[in-house]
């Protein structure tokens, strides 16, 4: 029973000595880029008027998403990161990001104007 309490599901306490807690399955398999459907949009809300390019819809582990964010930041020459299951790139780089993701083989859809 030395497993982490954070990952337990639906049970707070049990008196049964043979009880085994259900746990979240944290392992998410990353889809290959030719099966990914990514949404690229421009966001200015709650950012003090500064624009940010968002990439949403990535299916995979957090480490793979962080690696993709790093590649996109290097491609655009700006800052950014991965947070709350979306990749953000500082500035208006919709076209660069879309072209880079298409070259990797992903299906890209642009959201917004």
PDB file of N, CA and C in Angstrom:
ATOM      1  N   UNK A   1       0.813  -1.187   0.000  1.00  0.00           N
ATOM      2  CA  UNK A   1       0.000   0.000   0.000  1.00  0.00           C
ATOM      3  C   UNK A   1       0.853   1.247   0.000  1.00  0.00           C
ATOM      4  N   UNK A   2       2.109   1.157  -0.371  1.00  0.00           N
ATOM      5  CA  UNK A   2       2.988   2.303  -0.378  1.00  0.00           C
ATOM      6  C   UNK A   2       2.845   3.161  -1.615  1.00  0.00           C
ATOM      7  N   UNK A   3       1.763   2.993  -2.355  1.00  0.00           N
ATOM      8  CA  UNK A   3       1.558   3.775  -3.567  1.00  0.00           C
ATOM      9  C   UNK A   3       1.094   5.177  -3.212  1.00  0.00           C
ATOM     10  N   UNK A   4       1.277   6.092  -4.138  1.00  0.00           N
ATOM     11  CA  UNK A   4       0.923   7.491  -3.917  1.00  0.00           C
ATOM     12  C   UNK A   4      -0.578   7.656  -3.720  1.00  0.00           C
ATOM     13  N   UNK A   5      -0.961   8.499  -2.781  1.00  0.00           N
ATOM     14  CA  UNK A   5      -2.376   8.748  -2.501  1.00  0.00           C
ATOM     15  C   UNK A   5      -3.008   9.643  -3.558  1.00  0.00           C
ATOM     16  N   UNK A   6      -2.212  10.390  -4.297  1.00  0.00           N
ATOM     17  CA  UNK A   6      -2.745  11.315  -5.289  1.00  0.00           C
ATOM     18  C   UNK A   6      -3.436  10.606  -6.438  1.00  0.00           C
ATOM     19  N   UNK A   7      -2.993   9.415  -6.778  1.00  0.00           N
ATOM     20  CA  UNK A   7      -3.506   8.720  -7.954  1.00  0.00           C
ATOM     21  C   UNK A   7      -4.674   7.791  -7.649  1.00  0.00           C
ATOM     22  N   UNK A   8      -5.126   7.711  -6.415  1.00  0.00           N
ATOM     23  CA  UNK A   8      -6.218   6.822  -6.051  1.00  0.00           C
ATOM     24  C   UNK A   8      -7.547   7.366  -6.558  1.00  0.00           C
ATOM     25  N   UNK A   9      -8.408   6.459  -6.995  1.00  0.00           N
ATOM     26  CA  UNK A   9      -9.704   6.839  -7.534  1.00  0.00           C
ATOM     27  C   UNK A   9     -10.836   6.273  -6.675  1.00  0.00           C
ATOM     28  N   UNK A  10     -11.845   7.079  -6.408  1.00  0.00           N
ATOM     29  CA  UNK A  10     -13.122   6.666  -5.841  1.00  0.00           C
ATOM     30  C   UNK A  10     -13.087   6.133  -4.410  1.00  0.00           C
ATOM     31  N   UNK A  11     -11.964   6.016  -3.734  1.00  0.00           N
ATOM     32  CA  UNK A  11     -11.925   5.506  -2.368  1.00  0.00           C
ATOM     33  C   UNK A  11     -11.023   6.408  -1.538  1.00  0.00           C
ATOM     34  N   UNK A  12     -11.524   6.780  -0.377  1.00  0.00           N
ATOM     35  CA  UNK A  12     -10.718   7.585   0.526  1.00  0.00           C
ATOM     36  C   UNK A  12     -10.050   6.713   1.580  1.00  0.00           C
ATOM     37  N   UNK A  13     -10.814   5.737   2.121  1.00  0.00           N
ATOM     38  CA  UNK A  13     -10.293   4.886   3.178  1.00  0.00           C
ATOM     39  C   UNK A  13     -10.977   3.534   3.112  1.00  0.00           C
ATOM     40  N   UNK A  14     -10.253   2.469   3.391  1.00  0.00           N
ATOM     41  CA  UNK A  14     -10.831   1.134   3.418  1.00  0.00           C
ATOM     42  C   UNK A  14     -10.252   0.359   4.590  1.00  0.00           C
ATOM     43  N   UNK A  15     -11.109  -0.417   5.281  1.00  0.00           N
ATOM     44  CA  UNK A  15     -10.657  -1.238   6.405  1.00  0.00           C
ATOM     45  C   UNK A  15     -10.269  -2.634   5.972  1.00  0.00           C
ATOM     46  N   UNK A  16     -10.531  -2.998   4.721  1.00  0.00           N
ATOM     47  CA  UNK A  16     -10.198  -4.310   4.199  1.00  0.00           C
ATOM     48  C   UNK A  16      -8.697  -4.390   3.967  1.00  0.00           C
ATOM     49  N   UNK A  17      -7.983  -5.326   4.651  1.00  0.00           N
ATOM     50  CA  UNK A  17      -6.519  -5.395   4.480  1.00  0.00           C
ATOM     51  C   UNK A  17      -6.094  -5.884   3.087  1.00  0.00           C
ATOM     52  N   UNK A  18      -6.993  -6.572   2.367  1.00  0.00           N
ATOM     53  CA  UNK A  18      -6.654  -7.085   1.041  1.00  0.00           C
ATOM     54  C   UNK A  18      -7.107  -6.161  -0.079  1.00  0.00           C
ATOM     55  N   UNK A  19      -7.634  -4.992   0.265  1.00  0.00           N
ATOM     56  CA  UNK A  19      -8.169  -4.069  -0.734  1.00  0.00           C
ATOM     57  C   UNK A  19      -7.030  -3.401  -1.489  1.00  0.00           C
ATOM     58  N   UNK A  20      -7.191  -3.310  -2.800  1.00  0.00           N
ATOM     59  CA  UNK A  20      -6.203  -2.626  -3.626  1.00  0.00           C
ATOM     60  C   UNK A  20      -6.891  -1.458  -4.315  1.00  0.00           C
ATOM     61  N   UNK A  21      -6.331  -0.273  -4.193  1.00  0.00           N
ATOM     62  CA  UNK A  21      -6.931   0.932  -4.742  1.00  0.00           C
ATOM     63  C   UNK A  21      -6.840   0.943  -6.259  1.00  0.00           C
ATOM     64  N   UNK A  22      -7.875   1.503  -6.913  1.00  0.00           N
ATOM     65  CA  UNK A  22      -7.805   1.764  -8.339  1.00  0.00           C
ATOM     66  C   UNK A  22      -6.930   2.992  -8.526  1.00  0.00           C
ATOM     67  N   UNK A  23      -6.149   2.986  -9.560  1.00  0.00           N
ATOM     68  CA  UNK A  23      -5.271   4.127  -9.807  1.00  0.00           C
ATOM     69  C   UNK A  23      -5.464   4.640 -11.215  1.00  0.00           C
ATOM     70  N   UNK A  24      -5.152   5.925 -11.404  1.00  0.00           N
ATOM     71  CA  UNK A  24      -5.219   6.532 -12.722  1.00  0.00           C
ATOM     72  C   UNK A  24      -4.147   5.920 -13.613  1.00  0.00           C
ATOM     73  N   UNK A  25      -4.487   5.796 -14.864  1.00  0.00           N
ATOM     74  CA  UNK A  25      -3.506   5.341 -15.832  1.00  0.00           C
ATOM     75  C   UNK A  25      -2.863   6.582 -16.443  1.00  0.00           C
ATOM     76  N   UNK A  26      -1.663   6.899 -16.017  1.00  0.00           N
ATOM     77  CA  UNK A  26      -1.003   8.129 -16.445  1.00  0.00           C
ATOM     78  C   UNK A  26      -0.271   7.986 -17.768  1.00  0.00           C
ATOM     79  N   UNK A  27      -0.082   6.763 -18.244  1.00  0.00           N
ATOM     80  CA  UNK A  27       0.669   6.565 -19.476  1.00  0.00           C
ATOM     81  C   UNK A  27      -0.243   6.806 -20.668  1.00  0.00           C
ATOM     82  N   UNK A  28       0.085   7.801 -21.464  1.00  0.00           N
ATOM     83  CA  UNK A  28      -0.671   8.114 -22.672  1.00  0.00           C
ATOM     84  C   UNK A  28       0.256   7.898 -23.854  1.00  0.00           C
ATOM     85  N   UNK A  29      -0.189   7.072 -24.786  1.00  0.00           N
ATOM     86  CA  UNK A  29       0.642   6.796 -25.946  1.00  0.00           C
ATOM     87  C   UNK A  29       0.529   7.950 -26.941  1.00  0.00           C
ATOM     88  N   UNK A  30       1.653   8.405 -27.428  1.00  0.00           N
ATOM     89  CA  UNK A  30       1.682   9.509 -28.380  1.00  0.00           C
ATOM     90  C   UNK A  30       1.365   8.995 -29.776  1.00  0.00           C
ATOM     91  N   UNK A  31       0.396   9.643 -30.407  1.00  0.00           N
ATOM     92  CA  UNK A  31       0.053   9.282 -31.782  1.00  0.00           C
ATOM     93  C   UNK A  31       1.136   9.778 -32.730  1.00  0.00           C
ATOM     94  N   UNK A  32       1.385   9.050 -33.826  1.00  0.00           N
ATOM     95  CA  UNK A  32       2.324   9.565 -34.824  1.00  0.00           C
ATOM     96  C   UNK A  32       1.771  10.841 -35.464  1.00  0.00           C
ATOM     97  N   UNK A  33       2.644  11.660 -36.015  1.00  0.00           N
ATOM     98  CA  UNK A  33       2.221  12.956 -36.544  1.00  0.00           C
ATOM     99  C   UNK A  33       1.230  12.819 -37.702  1.00  0.00           C
ATOM    100  N   UNK A  34       1.301  11.752 -38.476  1.00  0.00           N
ATOM    101  CA  UNK A  34       0.351  11.626 -39.579  1.00  0.00           C
ATOM    102  C   UNK A  34      -1.065  11.315 -39.097  1.00  0.00           C
ATOM    103  N   UNK A  35      -1.251  11.000 -37.807  1.00  0.00           N
ATOM    104  CA  UNK A  35      -2.575  10.771 -37.234  1.00  0.00           C
ATOM    105  C   UNK A  35      -3.029  11.919 -36.324  1.00  0.00           C
ATOM    106  N   UNK A  36      -2.169  12.896 -36.100  1.00  0.00           N
ATOM    107  CA  UNK A  36      -2.505  14.028 -35.229  1.00  0.00           C
ATOM    108  C   UNK A  36      -3.369  15.032 -35.978  1.00  0.00           C
ATOM    109  N   UNK A  37      -4.372  15.584 -35.289  1.00  0.00           N
ATOM    110  CA  UNK A  37      -5.187  16.662 -35.839  1.00  0.00           C
ATOM    111  C   UNK A  37      -5.029  17.839 -34.881  1.00  0.00           C
ATOM    112  N   UNK A  38      -4.256  18.827 -35.301  1.00  0.00           N
ATOM    113  CA  UNK A  38      -3.902  19.946 -34.434  1.00  0.00           C
ATOM    114  C   UNK A  38      -4.614  21.219 -34.872  1.00  0.00           C
ATOM    115  N   UNK A  39      -4.989  22.017 -33.886  1.00  0.00           N
ATOM    116  CA  UNK A  39      -5.669  23.286 -34.128  1.00  0.00           C
ATOM    117  C   UNK A  39      -4.732  24.431 -33.755  1.00  0.00           C
ATOM    118  N   UNK A  40      -4.520  25.348 -34.683  1.00  0.00           N
ATOM    119  CA  UNK A  40      -3.640  26.496 -34.456  1.00  0.00           C
ATOM    120  C   UNK A  40      -4.518  27.741 -34.419  1.00  0.00           C
ATOM    121  N   UNK A  41      -4.358  28.546 -33.373  1.00  0.00           N
ATOM    122  CA  UNK A  41      -5.155  29.769 -33.245  1.00  0.00           C
ATOM    123  C   UNK A  41      -4.319  30.874 -32.625  1.00  0.00           C
ATOM    124  N   UNK A  42      -4.858  32.085 -32.709  1.00  0.00           N
ATOM    125  CA  UNK A  42      -4.217  33.255 -32.132  1.00  0.00           C
ATOM    126  C   UNK A  42      -5.069  33.715 -30.959  1.00  0.00           C
ATOM    127  N   UNK A  43      -4.435  33.985 -29.817  1.00  0.00           N
ATOM    128  CA  UNK A  43      -5.167  34.346 -28.605  1.00  0.00           C
ATOM    129  C   UNK A  43      -4.584  35.619 -28.021  1.00  0.00           C
ATOM    130  N   UNK A  44      -5.462  36.532 -27.603  1.00  0.00           N
ATOM    131  CA  UNK A  44      -5.031  37.773 -26.951  1.00  0.00           C
ATOM    132  C   UNK A  44      -5.704  37.968 -25.604  1.00  0.00           C
ATOM    133  N   UNK A  45      -6.593  37.053 -25.217  1.00  0.00           N
ATOM    134  CA  UNK A  45      -7.363  37.216 -23.998  1.00  0.00           C
ATOM    135  C   UNK A  45      -6.491  36.994 -22.766  1.00  0.00           C
ATOM    136  N   UNK A  46      -6.663  37.839 -21.766  1.00  0.00           N
ATOM    137  CA  UNK A  46      -5.963  37.733 -20.481  1.00  0.00           C
ATOM    138  C   UNK A  46      -4.451  37.731 -20.623  1.00  0.00           C
ATOM    139  N   UNK A  47      -3.944  38.423 -21.615  1.00  0.00           N
ATOM    140  CA  UNK A  47      -2.498  38.469 -21.843  1.00  0.00           C
ATOM    141  C   UNK A  47      -2.003  39.901 -22.019  1.00  0.00           C
ATOM    142  N   UNK A  48      -2.713  40.848 -21.451  1.00  0.00           N
ATOM    143  CA  UNK A  48      -2.338  42.266 -21.484  1.00  0.00           C
ATOM    144  C   UNK A  48      -2.176  42.780 -22.913  1.00  0.00           C
ATOM    145  N   UNK A  49      -3.008  42.292 -23.827  1.00  0.00           N
ATOM    146  CA  UNK A  49      -2.971  42.761 -25.207  1.00  0.00           C
ATOM    147  C   UNK A  49      -1.924  42.111 -26.081  1.00  0.00           C
ATOM    148  N   UNK A  50      -1.105  41.255 -25.525  1.00  0.00           N
ATOM    149  CA  UNK A  50      -0.063  40.583 -26.312  1.00  0.00           C
ATOM    150  C   UNK A  50      -0.659  39.337 -26.957  1.00  0.00           C
ATOM    151  N   UNK A  51      -0.249  39.050 -28.168  1.00  0.00           N
ATOM    152  CA  UNK A  51      -0.793  37.898 -28.866  1.00  0.00           C
ATOM    153  C   UNK A  51       0.071  36.660 -28.635  1.00  0.00           C
ATOM    154  N   UNK A  52      -0.605  35.508 -28.613  1.00  0.00           N
ATOM    155  CA  UNK A  52       0.044  34.220 -28.405  1.00  0.00           C
ATOM    156  C   UNK A  52      -0.549  33.241 -29.408  1.00  0.00           C
ATOM    157  N   UNK A  53       0.299  32.461 -30.044  1.00  0.00           N
ATOM    158  CA  UNK A  53      -0.153  31.418 -30.957  1.00  0.00           C
ATOM    159  C   UNK A  53      -0.335  30.137 -30.159  1.00  0.00           C
ATOM    160  N   UNK A  54      -1.540  29.548 -30.226  1.00  0.00           N
ATOM    161  CA  UNK A  54      -1.853  28.333 -29.480  1.00  0.00           C
ATOM    162  C   UNK A  54      -1.939  27.139 -30.417  1.00  0.00           C
ATOM    163  N   UNK A  55      -1.415  26.001 -29.953  1.00  0.00           N
ATOM    164  CA  UNK A  55      -1.555  24.735 -30.663  1.00  0.00           C
ATOM    165  C   UNK A  55      -2.307  23.801 -29.726  1.00  0.00           C
ATOM    166  N   UNK A  56      -3.497  23.383 -30.143  1.00  0.00           N
ATOM    167  CA  UNK A  56      -4.343  22.524 -29.315  1.00  0.00           C
ATOM    168  C   UNK A  56      -4.606  21.207 -30.025  1.00  0.00           C
ATOM    169  N   UNK A  57      -4.970  20.200 -29.246  1.00  0.00           N
ATOM    170  CA  UNK A  57      -5.353  18.915 -29.814  1.00  0.00           C
ATOM    171  C   UNK A  57      -4.247  17.898 -29.883  1.00  0.00           C
ATOM    172  N   UNK A  58      -3.092  18.162 -29.285  1.00  0.00           N
ATOM    173  CA  UNK A  58      -1.994  17.201 -29.324  1.00  0.00           C
ATOM    174  C   UNK A  58      -2.340  16.005 -28.444  1.00  0.00           C
ATOM    175  N   UNK A  59      -2.263  14.802 -29.011  1.00  0.00           N
ATOM    176  CA  UNK A  59      -2.551  13.583 -28.271  1.00  0.00           C
ATOM    177  C   UNK A  59      -1.230  12.889 -27.995  1.00  0.00           C
ATOM    178  N   UNK A  60      -0.849  12.854 -26.719  1.00  0.00           N
ATOM    179  CA  UNK A  60       0.396  12.209 -26.353  1.00  0.00           C
ATOM    180  C   UNK A  60       0.830  12.582 -24.960  1.00  0.00           C
ATOM    181  N   UNK A  61       2.009  12.153 -24.602  1.00  0.00           N
ATOM    182  CA  UNK A  61       2.535  12.403 -23.263  1.00  0.00           C
ATOM    183  C   UNK A  61       2.985  13.854 -23.128  1.00  0.00           C
ATOM    184  N   UNK A  62       3.092  14.297 -21.892  1.00  0.00           N
ATOM    185  CA  UNK A  62       3.527  15.665 -21.631  1.00  0.00           C
ATOM    186  C   UNK A  62       4.951  15.902 -22.115  1.00  0.00           C
ATOM    187  N   UNK A  63       5.813  14.896 -21.987  1.00  0.00           N
ATOM    188  CA  UNK A  63       7.201  15.056 -22.431  1.00  0.00           C
ATOM    189  C   UNK A  63       7.284  15.268 -23.940  1.00  0.00           C
ATOM    190  N   UNK A  64       6.473  14.526 -24.696  1.00  0.00           N
ATOM    191  CA  UNK A  64       6.474  14.700 -26.148  1.00  0.00           C
ATOM    192  C   UNK A  64       5.922  16.063 -26.537  1.00  0.00           C
ATOM    193  N   UNK A  65       4.910  16.538 -25.808  1.00  0.00           N
ATOM    194  CA  UNK A  65       4.351  17.860 -26.082  1.00  0.00           C
ATOM    195  C   UNK A  65       5.379  18.949 -25.768  1.00  0.00           C
ATOM    196  N   UNK A  66       6.135  18.770 -24.700  1.00  0.00           N
ATOM    197  CA  UNK A  66       7.175  19.747 -24.357  1.00  0.00           C
ATOM    198  C   UNK A  66       8.274  19.761 -25.411  1.00  0.00           C
ATOM    199  N   UNK A  67       8.609  18.585 -25.953  1.00  0.00           N
ATOM    200  CA  UNK A  67       9.613  18.527 -27.022  1.00  0.00           C
ATOM    201  C   UNK A  67       9.123  19.239 -28.278  1.00  0.00           C
ATOM    202  N   UNK A  68       7.843  19.047 -28.604  1.00  0.00           N
ATOM    203  CA  UNK A  68       7.278  19.736 -29.768  1.00  0.00           C
ATOM    204  C   UNK A  68       7.259  21.242 -29.538  1.00  0.00           C
ATOM    205  N   UNK A  69       6.933  21.674 -28.319  1.00  0.00           N
ATOM    206  CA  UNK A  69       6.942  23.104 -27.997  1.00  0.00           C
ATOM    207  C   UNK A  69       8.345  23.675 -28.154  1.00  0.00           C
ATOM    208  N   UNK A  70       9.341  22.918 -27.740  1.00  0.00           N
ATOM    209  CA  UNK A  70      10.728  23.378 -27.873  1.00  0.00           C
ATOM    210  C   UNK A  70      11.114  23.543 -29.339  1.00  0.00           C
ATOM    211  N   UNK A  71      10.707  22.595 -30.183  1.00  0.00           N
ATOM    212  CA  UNK A  71      11.007  22.696 -31.612  1.00  0.00           C
ATOM    213  C   UNK A  71      10.317  23.905 -32.239  1.00  0.00           C
ATOM    214  N   UNK A  72       9.058  24.141 -31.840  1.00  0.00           N
ATOM    215  CA  UNK A  72       8.325  25.281 -32.382  1.00  0.00           C
ATOM    216  C   UNK A  72       8.950  26.603 -31.941  1.00  0.00           C
ATOM    217  N   UNK A  73       9.387  26.680 -30.695  1.00  0.00           N
ATOM    218  CA  UNK A  73      10.039  27.897 -30.196  1.00  0.00           C
ATOM    219  C   UNK A  73      11.323  28.162 -30.965  1.00  0.00           C
ATOM    220  N   UNK A  74      12.085  27.105 -31.247  1.00  0.00           N
ATOM    221  CA  UNK A  74      13.322  27.270 -32.000  1.00  0.00           C
ATOM    222  C   UNK A  74      13.031  27.693 -33.435  1.00  0.00           C
ATOM    223  N   UNK A  75      11.985  27.130 -34.012  1.00  0.00           N
ATOM    224  CA  UNK A  75      11.611  27.452 -35.387  1.00  0.00           C
ATOM    225  C   UNK A  75      11.231  28.926 -35.522  1.00  0.00           C
ATOM    226  N   UNK A  76      10.481  29.437 -34.528  1.00  0.00           N
ATOM    227  CA  UNK A  76      10.001  30.819 -34.589  1.00  0.00           C
ATOM    228  C   UNK A  76      10.965  31.810 -33.954  1.00  0.00           C
ATOM    229  N   UNK A  77      11.898  31.330 -33.159  1.00  0.00           N
ATOM    230  CA  UNK A  77      12.870  32.209 -32.519  1.00  0.00           C
ATOM    231  C   UNK A  77      12.285  33.037 -31.390  1.00  0.00           C
ATOM    232  N   UNK A  78      11.286  32.496 -30.699  1.00  0.00           N
ATOM    233  CA  UNK A  78      10.626  33.222 -29.612  1.00  0.00           C
ATOM    234  C   UNK A  78      10.441  32.293 -28.415  1.00  0.00           C
ATOM    235  N   UNK A  79       9.839  32.821 -27.364  1.00  0.00           N
ATOM    236  CA  UNK A  79       9.555  32.036 -26.174  1.00  0.00           C
ATOM    237  C   UNK A  79       8.215  31.341 -26.286  1.00  0.00           C
ATOM    238  N   UNK A  80       7.914  30.567 -25.273  1.00  0.00           N
ATOM    239  CA  UNK A  80       6.651  29.843 -25.232  1.00  0.00           C
ATOM    240  C   UNK A  80       6.760  28.680 -24.281  1.00  0.00           C
ATOM    241  N   UNK A  81       5.885  27.708 -24.427  1.00  0.00           N
ATOM    242  CA  UNK A  81       5.926  26.551 -23.564  1.00  0.00           C
ATOM    243  C   UNK A  81       4.714  25.670 -23.722  1.00  0.00           C
ATOM    244  N   UNK A  82       4.536  24.754 -22.747  1.00  0.00           N
ATOM    245  CA  UNK A  82       3.432  23.813 -22.737  1.00  0.00           C
ATOM    246  C   UNK A  82       2.761  23.889 -21.383  1.00  0.00           C
ATOM    247  N   UNK A  83       1.451  24.152 -21.390  1.00  0.00           N
ATOM    248  CA  UNK A  83       0.718  24.288 -20.135  1.00  0.00           C
ATOM    249  C   UNK A  83      -0.748  23.971 -20.383  1.00  0.00           C
ATOM    250  N   UNK A  84      -1.374  23.243 -19.481  1.00  0.00           N
ATOM    251  CA  UNK A  84      -2.798  22.918 -19.550  1.00  0.00           C
ATOM    252  C   UNK A  84      -3.179  22.296 -20.890  1.00  0.00           C
ATOM    253  N   UNK A  85      -2.409  21.335 -21.325  1.00  0.00           N
ATOM    254  CA  UNK A  85      -2.620  20.561 -22.552  1.00  0.00           C
ATOM    255  C   UNK A  85      -2.676  21.410 -23.821  1.00  0.00           C
ATOM    256  N   UNK A  86      -2.001  22.546 -23.820  1.00  0.00           N
ATOM    257  CA  UNK A  86      -1.867  23.329 -25.041  1.00  0.00           C
ATOM    258  C   UNK A  86      -0.470  23.938 -25.118  1.00  0.00           C
ATOM    259  N   UNK A  87       0.026  24.037 -26.337  1.00  0.00           N
ATOM    260  CA  UNK A  87       1.346  24.615 -26.592  1.00  0.00           C
ATOM    261  C   UNK A  87       1.128  26.069 -26.962  1.00  0.00           C
ATOM    262  N   UNK A  88       1.874  26.957 -26.326  1.00  0.00           N
ATOM    263  CA  UNK A  88       1.749  28.373 -26.652  1.00  0.00           C
ATOM    264  C   UNK A  88       3.097  28.920 -27.096  1.00  0.00           C
ATOM    265  N   UNK A  89       3.045  29.747 -28.154  1.00  0.00           N
ATOM    266  CA  UNK A  89       4.218  30.386 -28.736  1.00  0.00           C
ATOM    267  C   UNK A  89       3.967  31.887 -28.698  1.00  0.00           C
ATOM    268  N   UNK A  90       4.900  32.642 -28.145  1.00  0.00           N
ATOM    269  CA  UNK A  90       4.703  34.083 -28.006  1.00  0.00           C
ATOM    270  C   UNK A  90       4.711  34.761 -29.365  1.00  0.00           C
ATOM    271  N   UNK A  91       3.705  35.609 -29.594  1.00  0.00           N
ATOM    272  CA  UNK A  91       3.629  36.366 -30.830  1.00  0.00           C
ATOM    273  C   UNK A  91       2.700  35.732 -31.850  1.00  0.00           C
ATOM    274  N   UNK A  92       2.500  36.435 -32.951  1.00  0.00           N
ATOM    275  CA  UNK A  92       1.636  35.963 -34.024  1.00  0.00           C
ATOM    276  C   UNK A  92       2.474  35.168 -35.022  1.00  0.00           C
ATOM    277  N   UNK A  93       2.499  33.850 -34.865  1.00  0.00           N
ATOM    278  CA  UNK A  93       3.284  32.972 -35.729  1.00  0.00           C
ATOM    279  C   UNK A  93       2.418  31.839 -36.275  1.00  0.00           C
ATOM    280  N   UNK A  94       1.145  32.141 -36.564  1.00  0.00           N
ATOM    281  CA  UNK A  94       0.233  31.094 -37.042  1.00  0.00           C
ATOM    282  C   UNK A  94       0.741  30.423 -38.311  1.00  0.00           C
ATOM    283  N   UNK A  95       1.211  31.215 -39.246  1.00  0.00           N
ATOM    284  CA  UNK A  95       1.640  30.654 -40.528  1.00  0.00           C
ATOM    285  C   UNK A  95       2.888  29.785 -40.390  1.00  0.00           C
ATOM    286  N   UNK A  96       3.871  30.270 -39.626  1.00  0.00           N
ATOM    287  CA  UNK A  96       5.103  29.497 -39.418  1.00  0.00           C
ATOM    288  C   UNK A  96       4.812  28.190 -38.693  1.00  0.00           C
ATOM    289  N   UNK A  97       4.002  28.278 -37.635  1.00  0.00           N
ATOM    290  CA  UNK A  97       3.681  27.092 -36.842  1.00  0.00           C
ATOM    291  C   UNK A  97       2.885  26.092 -37.681  1.00  0.00           C
ATOM    292  N   UNK A  98       1.899  26.587 -38.428  1.00  0.00           N
ATOM    293  CA  UNK A  98       1.104  25.706 -39.283  1.00  0.00           C
ATOM    294  C   UNK A  98       1.944  25.006 -40.333  1.00  0.00           C
ATOM    295  N   UNK A  99       2.841  25.750 -40.974  1.00  0.00           N
ATOM    296  CA  UNK A  99       3.702  25.151 -42.001  1.00  0.00           C
ATOM    297  C   UNK A  99       4.647  24.118 -41.393  1.00  0.00           C
ATOM    298  N   UNK A 100       5.194  24.404 -40.220  1.00  0.00           N
ATOM    299  CA  UNK A 100       6.109  23.463 -39.560  1.00  0.00           C
ATOM    300  C   UNK A 100       5.384  22.171 -39.194  1.00  0.00           C
ATOM    301  N   UNK A 101       4.170  22.293 -38.653  1.00  0.00           N
ATOM    302  CA  UNK A 101       3.406  21.110 -38.265  1.00  0.00           C
ATOM    303  C   UNK A 101       2.980  20.297 -39.492  1.00  0.00           C
ATOM    304  N   UNK A 102       2.659  20.972 -40.585  1.00  0.00           N
ATOM    305  CA  UNK A 102       2.311  20.259 -41.818  1.00  0.00           C
ATOM    306  C   UNK A 102       3.512  19.503 -42.365  1.00  0.00           C
ATOM    307  N   UNK A 103       4.700  20.089 -42.254  1.00  0.00           N
ATOM    308  CA  UNK A 103       5.913  19.402 -42.706  1.00  0.00           C
ATOM    309  C   UNK A 103       6.188  18.159 -41.884  1.00  0.00           C
ATOM    310  N   UNK A 104       5.778  18.158 -40.610  1.00  0.00           N
ATOM    311  CA  UNK A 104       5.940  16.976 -39.775  1.00  0.00           C
ATOM    312  C   UNK A 104       4.914  15.901 -40.116  1.00  0.00           C
ATOM    313  N   UNK A 105       3.854  16.287 -40.840  1.00  0.00           N
ATOM    314  CA  UNK A 105       2.857  15.316 -41.271  1.00  0.00           C
ATOM    315  C   UNK A 105       1.525  15.417 -40.561  1.00  0.00           C
ATOM    316  N   UNK A 106       1.361  16.372 -39.679  1.00  0.00           N
ATOM    317  CA  UNK A 106       0.109  16.511 -38.933  1.00  0.00           C
ATOM    318  C   UNK A 106      -0.944  17.214 -39.786  1.00  0.00           C
ATOM    319  N   UNK A 107      -2.206  16.923 -39.497  1.00  0.00           N
ATOM    320  CA  UNK A 107      -3.310  17.649 -40.119  1.00  0.00           C
ATOM    321  C   UNK A 107      -3.523  18.908 -39.307  1.00  0.00           C
ATOM    322  N   UNK A 108      -3.467  20.060 -39.946  1.00  0.00           N
ATOM    323  CA  UNK A 108      -3.550  21.346 -39.242  1.00  0.00           C
ATOM    324  C   UNK A 108      -4.808  22.073 -39.649  1.00  0.00           C
ATOM    325  N   UNK A 109      -5.535  22.571 -38.659  1.00  0.00           N
ATOM    326  CA  UNK A 109      -6.713  23.407 -38.887  1.00  0.00           C
ATOM    327  C   UNK A 109      -6.472  24.721 -38.177  1.00  0.00           C
ATOM    328  N   UNK A 110      -6.795  25.818 -38.856  1.00  0.00           N
ATOM    329  CA  UNK A 110      -6.657  27.134 -38.251  1.00  0.00           C
ATOM    330  C   UNK A 110      -7.994  27.553 -37.659  1.00  0.00           C
ATOM    331  N   UNK A 111      -7.963  28.019 -36.409  1.00  0.00           N
ATOM    332  CA  UNK A 111      -9.165  28.482 -35.730  1.00  0.00           C
ATOM    333  C   UNK A 111      -9.128  30.006 -35.670  1.00  0.00           C
ATOM    334  N   UNK A 112     -10.291  30.629 -35.727  1.00  0.00           N
ATOM    335  CA  UNK A 112     -10.357  32.075 -35.624  1.00  0.00           C
ATOM    336  C   UNK A 112     -10.058  32.754 -36.948  1.00  0.00           C
ATOM    337  N   UNK A 113     -10.004  34.112 -36.895  1.00  0.00           N
ATOM    338  CA  UNK A 113      -9.807  34.893 -38.125  1.00  0.00           C
ATOM    339  C   UNK A 113      -8.401  34.920 -38.482  1.00  0.00           C
TER     340      UNK A 113
END
